[in-house]
Amino acid sequence: MLNSQTTLAGDAGIALAALVEGPEHGLPVLLAHGGGQTRRAWKRVSGLLAARGFRAIALDLRGHGESNWAEDGAYDVADFARDLIAVAGSLERGPALIGASLGGLAGITAEGTLAPGTFASLTLVDVAPQLEEGGVARIVSFMAAHAREGFASPQEAARVISDYLPHRPSRTASSGLAHYLRPRPDGRYYWHWDPAFIDSVVRRRAEGEEASMVAREELSEAASRLTLPVHLIRGGSSDLVSAESVAHFRQLVPHAHYTDIAEATHMVVGDQNDAFGDAIVDFLVRTHGNGTVA
């Protein structure tokens, strides 16, 4: 059973940190997190996949976690998509992809526009071409608020997170939070991700462009071209993906399987992890068999 940290090459060789778990010859499953998250978001899901014979590869996307920052500020959805394509191309067989939020947008762009046939299947976690502006604005506001000035202490960061996620138990300045903060010589603590990532989103919003970093029409067109097995998972209380968003997506991708995780928000992975994990594994097993089956 493989369980190791490694570095994989994304587009143009950018170094991407990854955690690999599961049988060496299991079907690869790429796990691409949402904006502002890290590969740690998939910790429990990776274990479930490994137990069913899949080889889970949880990535830190460019500019996030322990992966390299893009020196040229290349943080469009297409840049993340090209990274996923590069990683997939380095594997012995086409992987399944599970993409949450930003990772899902990158997956749609990669498979529907840039390189059809890259993935064996595509699971989208609370993301679709049509997103609710209010939910997008809330996420962007949270990420931008302390991107440059950071926090005086981990405790301050914990309070900010609790205010952002009031439905969850209040978070303390635990050792887990340390994975999302970076202390600097000035004595302050900063998010683990490149502030240029959110700067690009804020700039586009100011210029009247969509916060998803790619036009809704382009995403819709890409989604309409998806022919591989697709699974859309929505948080039942999501403020980003509405019932209308789901209906729009299912018109574009009529063969897609759909799961609604009751009472979960946009942060589906953390809100209802057991139901979420079961939904992921059930779909992959139905689609691909156990991970060790070719």
Protein backbone atom coordinates (compact mmCIF):
# COMPACT_ATOMS: atom_id res chain seq x y z
CA MET A 1 0.00 0.00 0.00
CA LEU A 2 1.59 3.24 -1.19
CA ASN A 3 1.39 6.27 1.09
CA SER A 4 3.90 8.97 0.35
CA GLN A 5 4.47 12.63 -0.34
CA THR A 6 5.92 13.50 -3.70
CA THR A 7 6.32 16.30 -6.24
CA LEU A 8 4.72 16.13 -9.68
CA ALA A 9 5.30 18.34 -12.70
CA GLY A 10 2.49 20.58 -13.87
CA ASP A 11 2.40 22.73 -16.97
CA ALA A 12 5.84 24.01 -18.02
CA GLY A 13 7.34 21.97 -15.19
CA ILE A 14 5.82 23.90 -12.27
CA ALA A 15 6.34 21.79 -9.13
CA LEU A 16 3.14 20.51 -7.53
CA ALA A 17 3.18 18.90 -4.10
CA ALA A 18 1.09 15.74 -3.83
CA LEU A 19 0.13 13.05 -1.36
CA VAL A 20 -0.29 9.58 -2.85
CA GLU A 21 -2.24 6.87 -1.05
CA GLY A 22 -3.38 3.45 -2.19
CA PRO A 23 -2.15 0.43 -4.18
CA GLU A 24 0.63 1.22 -6.64
CA HIS A 25 -1.30 -0.32 -9.54
CA GLY A 26 -4.73 0.98 -8.58
CA LEU A 27 -6.66 3.27 -10.91
CA PRO A 28 -5.24 6.78 -10.32
CA VAL A 29 -7.71 9.31 -8.94
CA LEU A 30 -6.57 12.94 -9.05
CA LEU A 31 -8.01 15.11 -6.28
CA ALA A 32 -8.03 18.85 -7.06
CA HIS A 33 -9.11 21.13 -4.21
CA GLY A 34 -10.91 24.47 -4.26
CA GLY A 35 -9.37 27.92 -4.19
CA GLY A 36 -7.61 28.67 -0.91
CA GLN A 37 -7.53 25.01 0.16
CA THR A 38 -4.80 22.37 0.06
CA ARG A 39 -4.49 18.65 -0.53
CA ARG A 40 -5.34 18.15 3.16
CA ALA A 41 -9.01 18.78 2.26
CA TRP A 42 -9.07 15.25 0.81
CA LYS A 43 -7.54 13.41 3.77
CA ARG A 44 -10.54 11.23 4.60
CA VAL A 45 -11.62 10.76 1.00
CA SER A 46 -8.12 9.57 0.04
CA GLY A 47 -8.31 6.88 2.71
CA LEU A 48 -11.69 5.68 1.50
CA LEU A 49 -10.46 5.48 -2.08
CA ALA A 50 -7.29 3.64 -1.09
CA ALA A 51 -9.33 1.09 0.87
CA ARG A 52 -11.30 0.31 -2.32
CA GLY A 53 -8.17 -0.21 -4.41
CA PHE A 54 -7.82 3.23 -6.00
CA ARG A 55 -4.56 5.21 -5.99
CA ALA A 56 -5.56 8.61 -4.65
CA ILE A 57 -3.30 11.50 -5.70
CA ALA A 58 -4.21 14.65 -3.77
CA LEU A 59 -2.57 17.74 -5.26
CA ASP A 60 -1.72 21.15 -3.94
CA LEU A 61 -2.71 23.31 -6.91
CA ARG A 62 -0.24 25.89 -8.20
CA GLY A 63 0.15 28.78 -5.79
CA HIS A 64 -1.35 26.75 -2.93
CA GLY A 65 0.04 24.75 -0.03
CA GLU A 66 3.53 23.46 -0.73
CA SER A 67 3.33 23.78 -4.52
CA ASN A 68 5.29 26.43 -6.37
CA TRP A 69 3.82 29.85 -7.00
CA ALA A 70 3.45 30.99 -10.60
CA GLU A 71 6.14 33.61 -11.06
CA ASP A 72 4.24 35.15 -13.95
CA GLY A 73 0.97 35.28 -11.99
CA ALA A 74 -0.64 32.67 -14.25
CA TYR A 75 -3.73 31.74 -12.24
CA ASP A 76 -6.50 31.54 -14.84
CA VAL A 77 -8.65 28.42 -14.84
CA ALA A 78 -6.86 27.31 -18.00
CA ASP A 79 -3.52 27.40 -16.16
CA PHE A 80 -4.84 25.07 -13.47
CA ALA A 81 -6.39 22.91 -16.20
CA ARG A 82 -3.07 22.55 -18.02
CA ASP A 83 -1.46 21.44 -14.77
CA LEU A 84 -4.03 18.67 -14.40
CA ILE A 85 -3.47 17.61 -17.99
CA ALA A 86 0.30 17.48 -17.45
CA VAL A 87 -0.02 15.39 -14.28
CA ALA A 88 -2.52 13.04 -15.93
CA GLY A 89 -0.16 12.59 -18.88
CA SER A 90 2.63 11.48 -16.56
CA LEU A 91 0.59 8.59 -15.17
CA GLU A 92 0.52 5.07 -16.56
CA ARG A 93 -3.20 5.34 -17.37
CA GLY A 94 -5.82 8.03 -17.56
CA PRO A 95 -6.98 8.99 -14.08
CA ALA A 96 -10.39 9.75 -12.72
CA LEU A 97 -10.58 13.38 -11.59
CA ILE A 98 -12.41 14.74 -8.55
CA GLY A 99 -12.46 18.53 -8.57
CA ALA A 100 -13.93 20.79 -5.90
CA SER A 101 -14.86 24.35 -6.88
CA LEU A 102 -11.72 25.72 -8.62
CA GLY A 103 -10.47 22.17 -9.20
CA GLY A 104 -13.79 21.31 -10.83
CA LEU A 105 -13.71 24.35 -13.11
CA ALA A 106 -10.21 23.31 -14.17
CA GLY A 107 -11.49 19.79 -14.84
CA ILE A 108 -14.34 21.00 -17.05
CA THR A 109 -11.93 23.21 -19.00
CA ALA A 110 -9.33 20.49 -19.37
CA GLU A 111 -11.70 17.75 -20.52
CA GLY A 112 -14.22 19.86 -22.42
CA THR A 113 -11.85 22.24 -24.22
CA LEU A 114 -8.10 21.72 -23.93
CA ALA A 115 -7.59 17.96 -23.98
CA PRO A 116 -10.68 15.75 -24.32
CA GLY A 117 -10.00 12.16 -23.29
CA THR A 118 -7.58 13.08 -20.51
CA PHE A 119 -9.67 11.67 -17.67
CA ALA A 120 -11.48 8.38 -17.12
CA SER A 121 -14.32 10.15 -15.30
CA LEU A 122 -15.04 13.55 -13.79
CA THR A 123 -16.58 14.24 -10.37
CA LEU A 124 -17.51 17.87 -9.72
CA VAL A 125 -17.91 18.96 -6.11
CA ASP A 126 -20.32 21.88 -5.73
CA VAL A 127 -19.33 23.62 -8.93
CA ALA A 128 -20.98 24.17 -12.30
CA PRO A 129 -20.77 26.66 -15.17
CA GLN A 130 -23.63 28.74 -13.73
CA LEU A 131 -22.68 29.99 -10.26
CA GLU A 132 -24.62 32.23 -7.91
CA GLU A 133 -23.03 35.68 -7.76
CA GLY A 134 -23.77 36.13 -4.05
CA GLY A 135 -21.90 32.98 -3.15
CA VAL A 136 -18.96 33.85 -5.38
CA ALA A 137 -18.77 37.34 -3.86
CA ARG A 138 -18.71 35.93 -0.31
CA ILE A 139 -15.82 33.59 -1.13
CA VAL A 140 -13.82 36.26 -2.91
CA SER A 141 -14.37 38.74 -0.09
CA PHE A 142 -13.18 36.25 2.51
CA MET A 143 -10.05 35.33 0.56
CA ALA A 144 -9.14 38.91 -0.29
CA ALA A 145 -9.72 40.38 3.18
CA HIS A 146 -6.41 39.26 4.72
CA ALA A 147 -4.44 38.17 1.69
CA ARG A 148 -1.86 40.93 1.91
CA GLU A 149 -1.83 42.04 5.54
CA GLY A 150 -2.12 38.60 7.14
CA PHE A 151 -2.95 38.03 10.82
CA ALA A 152 -1.39 39.05 14.09
CA SER A 153 -1.70 35.48 15.40
CA PRO A 154 -3.14 32.06 14.54
CA GLN A 155 -5.92 32.83 17.03
CA GLU A 156 -6.99 35.81 14.93
CA ALA A 157 -7.07 33.61 11.82
CA ALA A 158 -9.16 31.03 13.68
CA ARG A 159 -11.71 33.71 14.62
CA VAL A 160 -11.95 34.87 11.00
CA ILE A 161 -12.57 31.30 9.83
CA SER A 162 -15.26 30.80 12.48
CA ASP A 163 -17.03 33.96 11.33
CA TYR A 164 -16.89 32.71 7.73
CA LEU A 165 -18.17 29.23 8.64
CA PRO A 166 -20.64 29.88 11.48
CA HIS A 167 -22.40 26.55 10.93
CA ARG A 168 -19.31 24.65 12.05
CA PRO A 169 -17.89 24.33 15.56
CA SER A 170 -15.58 27.26 16.32
CA ARG A 171 -12.09 26.54 15.14
CA THR A 172 -9.16 26.96 17.52
CA ALA A 173 -5.56 27.76 16.60
CA SER A 174 -4.81 24.04 16.35
CA SER A 175 -1.88 22.30 14.74
CA GLY A 176 -4.14 21.64 11.73
CA LEU A 177 -4.56 25.36 11.14
CA ALA A 178 -0.79 25.65 10.88
CA HIS A 179 -0.99 23.93 7.50
CA TYR A 180 -2.94 26.90 6.15
CA LEU A 181 -0.79 29.69 7.61
CA ARG A 182 2.80 30.77 7.01
CA PRO A 183 4.72 32.81 9.61
CA ARG A 184 7.00 35.49 8.18
CA PRO A 185 9.89 37.49 9.62
CA ASP A 186 7.57 40.43 10.31
CA GLY A 187 5.91 38.30 13.00
CA ARG A 188 2.58 38.03 11.18
CA TYR A 189 0.87 34.95 9.76
CA TYR A 190 -0.26 34.70 6.14
CA TRP A 191 -2.44 32.30 4.18
CA HIS A 192 -0.49 29.52 2.52
CA TRP A 193 -1.46 30.66 -0.98
CA ASP A 194 -0.03 33.24 -3.35
CA PRO A 195 -1.98 36.52 -2.91
CA ALA A 196 -1.56 37.09 -6.65
CA PHE A 197 -4.11 34.31 -7.11
CA ILE A 198 -6.94 36.22 -5.48
CA ASP A 199 -5.63 39.55 -6.81
CA SER A 200 -6.35 38.28 -10.33
CA VAL A 201 -9.92 37.41 -9.37
CA VAL A 202 -10.53 40.78 -7.71
CA ARG A 203 -9.10 42.60 -10.71
CA ARG A 204 -11.37 40.77 -13.12
CA ARG A 205 -14.42 41.52 -10.99
CA ALA A 206 -13.48 45.21 -10.99
CA GLU A 207 -13.25 45.09 -14.75
CA GLY A 208 -16.69 43.51 -14.98
CA GLU A 209 -15.53 40.00 -15.78
CA GLU A 210 -16.84 36.90 -14.07
CA ALA A 211 -15.25 35.89 -10.79
CA SER A 212 -14.86 32.32 -11.96
CA MET A 213 -11.91 33.51 -14.08
CA VAL A 214 -13.49 32.12 -17.22
CA ALA A 215 -16.67 33.21 -18.96
CA ARG A 216 -19.84 31.30 -18.12
CA GLU A 217 -20.47 30.80 -21.82
CA GLU A 218 -17.07 29.16 -22.26
CA LEU A 219 -17.64 26.85 -19.31
CA SER A 220 -21.09 25.93 -20.56
CA GLU A 221 -19.72 25.14 -24.00
CA ALA A 222 -16.96 23.02 -22.46
CA ALA A 223 -19.46 21.16 -20.28
CA SER A 224 -21.71 20.45 -23.25
CA ARG A 225 -18.83 18.59 -24.89
CA LEU A 226 -18.22 16.22 -21.98
CA THR A 227 -18.72 12.60 -23.03
CA LEU A 228 -16.97 10.80 -20.19
CA PRO A 229 -18.82 9.62 -17.05
CA VAL A 230 -19.67 12.70 -14.96
CA HIS A 231 -20.88 13.05 -11.39
CA LEU A 232 -22.10 16.36 -9.95
CA ILE A 233 -22.24 16.56 -6.14
CA ARG A 234 -23.99 19.57 -4.64
CA GLY A 235 -24.15 20.76 -1.06
CA GLY A 236 -27.88 21.01 -0.35
CA SER A 237 -27.36 24.36 1.42
CA SER A 238 -24.77 25.69 -1.02
CA ASP A 239 -24.89 29.41 -1.77
CA LEU A 240 -22.75 28.88 -4.87
CA VAL A 241 -24.55 26.11 -6.77
CA SER A 242 -28.32 26.55 -6.71
CA ALA A 243 -31.07 24.24 -7.90
CA GLU A 244 -31.14 26.36 -11.07
CA SER A 245 -27.39 25.82 -11.49
CA VAL A 246 -27.94 22.07 -11.29
CA ALA A 247 -30.80 22.15 -13.80
CA HIS A 248 -28.67 24.16 -16.22
CA PHE A 249 -25.79 21.70 -15.87
CA ARG A 250 -27.99 18.66 -16.37
CA GLN A 251 -29.33 20.16 -19.59
CA LEU A 252 -25.74 20.55 -20.79
CA VAL A 253 -24.65 17.10 -19.60
CA PRO A 254 -27.78 14.93 -19.63
CA HIS A 255 -25.86 11.73 -18.90
CA ALA A 256 -24.38 13.15 -15.66
CA HIS A 257 -25.12 11.44 -12.37
CA TYR A 258 -26.27 13.81 -9.62
CA THR A 259 -26.04 13.66 -5.82
CA ASP A 260 -27.37 16.21 -3.33
CA ILE A 261 -25.72 16.14 0.10
CA ALA A 262 -28.45 17.41 2.43
CA GLU A 263 -27.55 20.32 4.72
CA ALA A 264 -23.99 20.56 3.40
CA THR A 265 -22.75 23.97 2.26
CA HIS A 266 -20.27 24.80 -0.49
CA MET A 267 -17.60 23.28 1.79
CA VAL A 268 -19.11 19.84 1.18
CA VAL A 269 -15.95 17.92 2.02
CA GLY A 270 -15.86 19.16 5.59
CA ASP A 271 -19.59 19.56 6.23
CA GLN A 272 -20.88 16.05 5.56
CA ASN A 273 -17.77 14.03 5.00
CA ASP A 274 -19.28 10.54 5.45
CA ALA A 275 -22.10 11.08 2.98
CA PHE A 276 -19.75 12.87 0.61
CA GLY A 277 -17.14 10.13 0.73
CA ASP A 278 -19.74 7.42 0.20
CA ALA A 279 -21.15 9.26 -2.83
CA ILE A 280 -17.70 9.58 -4.40
CA VAL A 281 -16.73 5.96 -3.85
CA ASP A 282 -20.11 4.58 -4.98
CA PHE A 283 -19.88 6.45 -8.28
CA LEU A 284 -16.28 5.42 -8.95
CA VAL A 285 -16.95 1.78 -8.14
CA ARG A 286 -20.05 1.73 -10.36
CA THR A 287 -18.12 3.40 -13.15
CA HIS A 288 -14.72 1.72 -12.93
CA GLY A 289 -15.15 -1.29 -10.66
CA ASN A 290 -12.77 -1.55 -7.73
CA GLY A 291 -9.68 0.52 -8.30
CA THR A 292 -7.47 -2.48 -8.93
CA VAL A 293 -9.68 -3.62 -11.81
CA ALA A 294 -8.42 -2.31 -15.17
